[in-house]
Amino acid sequence: MTKILLIVAFTIAIVLWFKLQAGKRDELPRKEKTSEDMVRCQVCQVNLPRSEALLSQGKFYCCDEHRRRAG
């Protein structure tokens, strides 16, 4: 009987420990999303974030193929 109680107590302790760890994971700071300037590809006119665009000779492109095509 003592073995069964120890097994149950051990199982409950493990479950509670996992729940506590999951709660800590939820408390991690989230990165705040900030707005970013959008630019337009000179070839296909698609809008994309400035950080993802390719800049060549003062013009923005969505991919290297469009940059080469316009050049």
PDB file of N, CA and C in Angstrom:
ATOM      1  N   MET A   1       0.821  -1.190   0.000  1.00  0.00           N
ATOM      2  CA  MET A   1       0.000   0.000   0.000  1.00  0.00           C
ATOM      3  C   MET A   1       0.868   1.258   0.000  1.00  0.00           C
ATOM      4  N   THR A   2       1.969   1.223   0.747  1.00  0.00           N
ATOM      5  CA  THR A   2       2.874   2.370   0.813  1.00  0.00           C
ATOM      6  C   THR A   2       3.503   2.643  -0.550  1.00  0.00           C
ATOM      7  N   LYS A   3       3.836   1.593  -1.265  1.00  0.00           N
ATOM      8  CA  LYS A   3       4.423   1.763  -2.595  1.00  0.00           C
ATOM      9  C   LYS A   3       3.453   2.461  -3.535  1.00  0.00           C
ATOM     10  N   ILE A   4       2.190   2.099  -3.475  1.00  0.00           N
ATOM     11  CA  ILE A   4       1.171   2.711  -4.333  1.00  0.00           C
ATOM     12  C   ILE A   4       1.036   4.189  -4.007  1.00  0.00           C
ATOM     13  N   LEU A   5       1.008   4.551  -2.725  1.00  0.00           N
ATOM     14  CA  LEU A   5       0.898   5.949  -2.318  1.00  0.00           C
ATOM     15  C   LEU A   5       2.121   6.747  -2.763  1.00  0.00           C
ATOM     16  N   LEU A   6       3.293   6.156  -2.670  1.00  0.00           N
ATOM     17  CA  LEU A   6       4.500   6.835  -3.136  1.00  0.00           C
ATOM     18  C   LEU A   6       4.478   7.047  -4.648  1.00  0.00           C
ATOM     19  N   ILE A   7       4.018   6.073  -5.380  1.00  0.00           N
ATOM     20  CA  ILE A   7       3.918   6.205  -6.838  1.00  0.00           C
ATOM     21  C   ILE A   7       2.922   7.292  -7.204  1.00  0.00           C
ATOM     22  N   VAL A   8       1.778   7.335  -6.549  1.00  0.00           N
ATOM     23  CA  VAL A   8       0.766   8.368  -6.813  1.00  0.00           C
ATOM     24  C   VAL A   8       1.324   9.742  -6.468  1.00  0.00           C
ATOM     25  N   ALA A   9       1.974   9.869  -5.320  1.00  0.00           N
ATOM     26  CA  ALA A   9       2.543  11.156  -4.906  1.00  0.00           C
ATOM     27  C   ALA A   9       3.627  11.603  -5.886  1.00  0.00           C
ATOM     28  N   PHE A  10       4.464  10.694  -6.309  1.00  0.00           N
ATOM     29  CA  PHE A  10       5.520  11.009  -7.263  1.00  0.00           C
ATOM     30  C   PHE A  10       4.922  11.461  -8.599  1.00  0.00           C
ATOM     31  N   THR A  11       3.889  10.779  -9.065  1.00  0.00           N
ATOM     32  CA  THR A  11       3.213  11.143 -10.311  1.00  0.00           C
ATOM     33  C   THR A  11       2.593  12.529 -10.211  1.00  0.00           C
ATOM     34  N   ILE A  12       1.934  12.826  -9.115  1.00  0.00           N
ATOM     35  CA  ILE A  12       1.325  14.152  -8.917  1.00  0.00           C
ATOM     36  C   ILE A  12       2.408  15.226  -8.890  1.00  0.00           C
ATOM     37  N   ALA A  13       3.521  14.943  -8.229  1.00  0.00           N
ATOM     38  CA  ALA A  13       4.617  15.913  -8.170  1.00  0.00           C
ATOM     39  C   ALA A  13       5.169  16.205  -9.563  1.00  0.00           C
ATOM     40  N   ILE A  14       5.315  15.184 -10.380  1.00  0.00           N
ATOM     41  CA  ILE A  14       5.826  15.384 -11.746  1.00  0.00           C
ATOM     42  C   ILE A  14       4.836  16.195 -12.571  1.00  0.00           C
ATOM     43  N   VAL A  15       3.555  15.895 -12.478  1.00  0.00           N
ATOM     44  CA  VAL A  15       2.535  16.637 -13.230  1.00  0.00           C
ATOM     45  C   VAL A  15       2.538  18.102 -12.806  1.00  0.00           C
ATOM     46  N   LEU A  16       2.598  18.370 -11.514  1.00  0.00           N
ATOM     47  CA  LEU A  16       2.627  19.753 -11.031  1.00  0.00           C
ATOM     48  C   LEU A  16       3.889  20.471 -11.491  1.00  0.00           C
ATOM     49  N   TRP A  17       5.018  19.766 -11.508  1.00  0.00           N
ATOM     50  CA  TRP A  17       6.262  20.381 -11.962  1.00  0.00           C
ATOM     51  C   TRP A  17       6.163  20.778 -13.441  1.00  0.00           C
ATOM     52  N   PHE A  18       5.586  19.899 -14.277  1.00  0.00           N
ATOM     53  CA  PHE A  18       5.412  20.230 -15.694  1.00  0.00           C
ATOM     54  C   PHE A  18       4.473  21.413 -15.879  1.00  0.00           C
ATOM     55  N   LYS A  19       3.408  21.487 -15.113  1.00  0.00           N
ATOM     56  CA  LYS A  19       2.490  22.626 -15.207  1.00  0.00           C
ATOM     57  C   LYS A  19       3.181  23.914 -14.790  1.00  0.00           C
ATOM     58  N   LEU A  20       4.016  23.853 -13.770  1.00  0.00           N
ATOM     59  CA  LEU A  20       4.753  25.029 -13.329  1.00  0.00           C
ATOM     60  C   LEU A  20       5.713  25.493 -14.414  1.00  0.00           C
ATOM     61  N   GLN A  21       6.395  24.566 -15.055  1.00  0.00           N
ATOM     62  CA  GLN A  21       7.317  24.913 -16.132  1.00  0.00           C
ATOM     63  C   GLN A  21       6.578  25.529 -17.313  1.00  0.00           C
ATOM     64  N   ALA A  22       5.408  25.016 -17.634  1.00  0.00           N
ATOM     65  CA  ALA A  22       4.612  25.570 -18.732  1.00  0.00           C
ATOM     66  C   ALA A  22       4.169  26.985 -18.388  1.00  0.00           C
ATOM     67  N   GLY A  23       3.833  27.235 -17.153  1.00  0.00           N
ATOM     68  CA  GLY A  23       3.437  28.579 -16.726  1.00  0.00           C
ATOM     69  C   GLY A  23       4.582  29.567 -16.841  1.00  0.00           C
ATOM     70  N   LYS A  24       5.797  29.132 -16.525  1.00  0.00           N
ATOM     71  CA  LYS A  24       6.961  30.009 -16.652  1.00  0.00           C
ATOM     72  C   LYS A  24       7.233  30.343 -18.107  1.00  0.00           C
ATOM     73  N   ARG A  25       7.011  29.382 -18.976  1.00  0.00           N
ATOM     74  CA  ARG A  25       7.231  29.610 -20.402  1.00  0.00           C
ATOM     75  C   ARG A  25       6.270  30.665 -20.926  1.00  0.00           C
ATOM     76  N   ASP A  26       5.042  30.686 -20.415  1.00  0.00           N
ATOM     77  CA  ASP A  26       4.063  31.672 -20.851  1.00  0.00           C
ATOM     78  C   ASP A  26       4.413  33.079 -20.376  1.00  0.00           C
ATOM     79  N   GLU A  27       5.221  33.192 -19.332  1.00  0.00           N
ATOM     80  CA  GLU A  27       5.558  34.489 -18.778  1.00  0.00           C
ATOM     81  C   GLU A  27       6.753  35.136 -19.460  1.00  0.00           C
ATOM     82  N   LEU A  28       7.376  34.470 -20.422  1.00  0.00           N
ATOM     83  CA  LEU A  28       8.513  35.038 -21.108  1.00  0.00           C
ATOM     84  C   LEU A  28       8.096  36.310 -21.846  1.00  0.00           C
ATOM     85  N   PRO A  29       8.952  37.304 -21.865  1.00  0.00           N
ATOM     86  CA  PRO A  29       8.586  38.551 -22.552  1.00  0.00           C
ATOM     87  C   PRO A  29       8.421  38.327 -24.051  1.00  0.00           C
ATOM     88  N   ARG A  30       7.425  38.913 -24.597  1.00  0.00           N
ATOM     89  CA  ARG A  30       7.155  38.808 -26.034  1.00  0.00           C
ATOM     90  C   ARG A  30       7.800  39.988 -26.751  1.00  0.00           C
ATOM     91  N   LYS A  31       8.256  39.739 -27.939  1.00  0.00           N
ATOM     92  CA  LYS A  31       8.789  40.838 -28.739  1.00  0.00           C
ATOM     93  C   LYS A  31       7.623  41.699 -29.206  1.00  0.00           C
ATOM     94  N   GLU A  32       7.779  42.982 -28.999  1.00  0.00           N
ATOM     95  CA  GLU A  32       6.733  43.886 -29.460  1.00  0.00           C
ATOM     96  C   GLU A  32       6.887  44.085 -30.961  1.00  0.00           C
ATOM     97  N   LYS A  33       5.780  43.981 -31.648  1.00  0.00           N
ATOM     98  CA  LYS A  33       5.816  44.191 -33.084  1.00  0.00           C
ATOM     99  C   LYS A  33       5.723  45.687 -33.351  1.00  0.00           C
ATOM    100  N   THR A  34       6.635  46.164 -34.152  1.00  0.00           N
ATOM    101  CA  THR A  34       6.623  47.572 -34.516  1.00  0.00           C
ATOM    102  C   THR A  34       6.299  47.674 -35.995  1.00  0.00           C
ATOM    103  N   SER A  35       5.738  48.778 -36.363  1.00  0.00           N
ATOM    104  CA  SER A  35       5.402  48.962 -37.771  1.00  0.00           C
ATOM    105  C   SER A  35       6.688  49.221 -38.557  1.00  0.00           C
ATOM    106  N   GLU A  36       6.677  48.835 -39.801  1.00  0.00           N
ATOM    107  CA  GLU A  36       7.847  48.971 -40.646  1.00  0.00           C
ATOM    108  C   GLU A  36       7.430  49.620 -41.960  1.00  0.00           C
ATOM    109  N   ASP A  37       8.311  50.427 -42.505  1.00  0.00           N
ATOM    110  CA  ASP A  37       8.021  51.070 -43.784  1.00  0.00           C
ATOM    111  C   ASP A  37       7.858  50.025 -44.874  1.00  0.00           C
ATOM    112  N   MET A  38       6.896  50.269 -45.754  1.00  0.00           N
ATOM    113  CA  MET A  38       6.670  49.391 -46.891  1.00  0.00           C
ATOM    114  C   MET A  38       7.207  50.080 -48.142  1.00  0.00           C
ATOM    115  N   VAL A  39       7.761  49.282 -49.037  1.00  0.00           N
ATOM    116  CA  VAL A  39       8.272  49.789 -50.309  1.00  0.00           C
ATOM    117  C   VAL A  39       7.662  48.964 -51.438  1.00  0.00           C
ATOM    118  N   ARG A  40       7.744  49.494 -52.652  1.00  0.00           N
ATOM    119  CA  ARG A  40       7.140  48.824 -53.806  1.00  0.00           C
ATOM    120  C   ARG A  40       8.216  48.378 -54.782  1.00  0.00           C
ATOM    121  N   CYS A  41       8.101  47.138 -55.233  1.00  0.00           N
ATOM    122  CA  CYS A  41       9.021  46.607 -56.236  1.00  0.00           C
ATOM    123  C   CYS A  41       8.825  47.374 -57.539  1.00  0.00           C
ATOM    124  N   GLN A  42       9.923  47.775 -58.177  1.00  0.00           N
ATOM    125  CA  GLN A  42       9.848  48.550 -59.411  1.00  0.00           C
ATOM    126  C   GLN A  42       9.360  47.726 -60.597  1.00  0.00           C
ATOM    127  N   VAL A  43       9.446  46.406 -60.521  1.00  0.00           N
ATOM    128  CA  VAL A  43       9.055  45.556 -61.641  1.00  0.00           C
ATOM    129  C   VAL A  43       7.614  45.084 -61.517  1.00  0.00           C
ATOM    130  N   CYS A  44       7.287  44.433 -60.387  1.00  0.00           N
ATOM    131  CA  CYS A  44       5.957  43.818 -60.268  1.00  0.00           C
ATOM    132  C   CYS A  44       4.987  44.633 -59.409  1.00  0.00           C
ATOM    133  N   GLN A  45       5.463  45.721 -58.836  1.00  0.00           N
ATOM    134  CA  GLN A  45       4.645  46.635 -58.045  1.00  0.00           C
ATOM    135  C   GLN A  45       4.090  46.036 -56.757  1.00  0.00           C
ATOM    136  N   VAL A  46       4.665  44.936 -56.276  1.00  0.00           N
ATOM    137  CA  VAL A  46       4.209  44.340 -55.025  1.00  0.00           C
ATOM    138  C   VAL A  46       4.799  45.141 -53.859  1.00  0.00           C
ATOM    139  N   ASN A  47       4.020  45.310 -52.798  1.00  0.00           N
ATOM    140  CA  ASN A  47       4.494  45.994 -51.605  1.00  0.00           C
ATOM    141  C   ASN A  47       5.118  44.981 -50.654  1.00  0.00           C
ATOM    142  N   LEU A  48       6.247  45.348 -50.062  1.00  0.00           N
ATOM    143  CA  LEU A  48       6.909  44.475 -49.109  1.00  0.00           C
ATOM    144  C   LEU A  48       7.655  45.326 -48.086  1.00  0.00           C
ATOM    145  N   PRO A  49       7.946  44.754 -46.902  1.00  0.00           N
ATOM    146  CA  PRO A  49       8.670  45.515 -45.880  1.00  0.00           C
ATOM    147  C   PRO A  49      10.055  45.915 -46.381  1.00  0.00           C
ATOM    148  N   ARG A  50      10.500  47.085 -45.976  1.00  0.00           N
ATOM    149  CA  ARG A  50      11.797  47.593 -46.415  1.00  0.00           C
ATOM    150  C   ARG A  50      12.931  46.625 -46.061  1.00  0.00           C
ATOM    151  N   SER A  51      12.821  45.942 -44.921  1.00  0.00           N
ATOM    152  CA  SER A  51      13.888  45.032 -44.495  1.00  0.00           C
ATOM    153  C   SER A  51      13.995  43.801 -45.394  1.00  0.00           C
ATOM    154  N   GLU A  52      12.950  43.458 -46.138  1.00  0.00           N
ATOM    155  CA  GLU A  52      12.979  42.299 -47.032  1.00  0.00           C
ATOM    156  C   GLU A  52      13.272  42.677 -48.475  1.00  0.00           C
ATOM    157  N   ALA A  53      13.295  43.968 -48.772  1.00  0.00           N
ATOM    158  CA  ALA A  53      13.486  44.431 -50.144  1.00  0.00           C
ATOM    159  C   ALA A  53      14.970  44.520 -50.485  1.00  0.00           C
ATOM    160  N   LEU A  54      15.255  44.426 -51.780  1.00  0.00           N
ATOM    161  CA  LEU A  54      16.609  44.620 -52.289  1.00  0.00           C
ATOM    162  C   LEU A  54      16.703  46.037 -52.838  1.00  0.00           C
ATOM    163  N   LEU A  55      17.723  46.773 -52.461  1.00  0.00           N
ATOM    164  CA  LEU A  55      17.921  48.142 -52.909  1.00  0.00           C
ATOM    165  C   LEU A  55      19.058  48.171 -53.909  1.00  0.00           C
ATOM    166  N   SER A  56      18.785  48.706 -55.087  1.00  0.00           N
ATOM    167  CA  SER A  56      19.807  48.810 -56.115  1.00  0.00           C
ATOM    168  C   SER A  56      19.600  50.108 -56.873  1.00  0.00           C
ATOM    169  N   GLN A  57      20.621  50.949 -56.895  1.00  0.00           N
ATOM    170  CA  GLN A  57      20.602  52.234 -57.586  1.00  0.00           C
ATOM    171  C   GLN A  57      19.400  53.073 -57.162  1.00  0.00           C
ATOM    172  N   GLY A  58      19.084  53.052 -55.880  1.00  0.00           N
ATOM    173  CA  GLY A  58      18.011  53.876 -55.330  1.00  0.00           C
ATOM    174  C   GLY A  58      16.605  53.342 -55.565  1.00  0.00           C
ATOM    175  N   LYS A  59      16.483  52.144 -56.108  1.00  0.00           N
ATOM    176  CA  LYS A  59      15.174  51.539 -56.362  1.00  0.00           C
ATOM    177  C   LYS A  59      15.064  50.231 -55.597  1.00  0.00           C
ATOM    178  N   PHE A  60      13.833  49.881 -55.226  1.00  0.00           N
ATOM    179  CA  PHE A  60      13.587  48.675 -54.453  1.00  0.00           C
ATOM    180  C   PHE A  60      13.040  47.565 -55.338  1.00  0.00           C
ATOM    181  N   TYR A  61      13.448  46.331 -55.012  1.00  0.00           N
ATOM    182  CA  TYR A  61      13.002  45.150 -55.747  1.00  0.00           C
ATOM    183  C   TYR A  61      12.645  44.049 -54.750  1.00  0.00           C
ATOM    184  N   CYS A  62      11.700  43.185 -55.133  1.00  0.00           N
ATOM    185  CA  CYS A  62      11.263  42.104 -54.245  1.00  0.00           C
ATOM    186  C   CYS A  62      12.172  40.887 -54.317  1.00  0.00           C
ATOM    187  N   CYS A  63      12.908  40.727 -55.419  1.00  0.00           N
ATOM    188  CA  CYS A  63      13.800  39.573 -55.555  1.00  0.00           C
ATOM    189  C   CYS A  63      14.950  39.931 -56.494  1.00  0.00           C
ATOM    190  N   ASP A  64      15.957  39.088 -56.487  1.00  0.00           N
ATOM    191  CA  ASP A  64      17.138  39.339 -57.303  1.00  0.00           C
ATOM    192  C   ASP A  64      16.818  39.279 -58.795  1.00  0.00           C
ATOM    193  N   GLU A  65      15.892  38.416 -59.171  1.00  0.00           N
ATOM    194  CA  GLU A  65      15.495  38.304 -60.592  1.00  0.00           C
ATOM    195  C   GLU A  65      14.946  39.638 -61.108  1.00  0.00           C
ATOM    196  N   HIS A  66      14.101  40.286 -60.317  1.00  0.00           N
ATOM    197  CA  HIS A  66      13.526  41.576 -60.736  1.00  0.00           C
ATOM    198  C   HIS A  66      14.597  42.664 -60.750  1.00  0.00           C
ATOM    199  N   ARG A  67      15.550  42.581 -59.830  1.00  0.00           N
ATOM    200  CA  ARG A  67      16.631  43.563 -59.808  1.00  0.00           C
ATOM    201  C   ARG A  67      17.460  43.446 -61.081  1.00  0.00           C
ATOM    202  N   ARG A  68      17.750  42.205 -61.506  1.00  0.00           N
ATOM    203  CA  ARG A  68      18.532  41.998 -62.725  1.00  0.00           C
ATOM    204  C   ARG A  68      17.737  42.390 -63.969  1.00  0.00           C
ATOM    205  N   ARG A  69      16.445  42.093 -63.968  1.00  0.00           N
ATOM    206  CA  ARG A  69      15.601  42.398 -65.122  1.00  0.00           C
ATOM    207  C   ARG A  69      15.532  43.910 -65.363  1.00  0.00           C
ATOM    208  N   ALA A  70      15.463  44.682 -64.300  1.00  0.00           N
ATOM    209  CA  ALA A  70      15.337  46.131 -64.433  1.00  0.00           C
ATOM    210  C   ALA A  70      16.670  46.791 -64.766  1.00  0.00           C
ATOM    211  N   GLY A  71      17.775  46.130 -64.433  1.00  0.00           N
ATOM    212  CA  GLY A  71      19.107  46.717 -64.614  1.00  0.00           C
ATOM    213  C   GLY A  71      19.557  46.603 -65.999  1.00  0.00           C
TER     214      GLY A  71
END
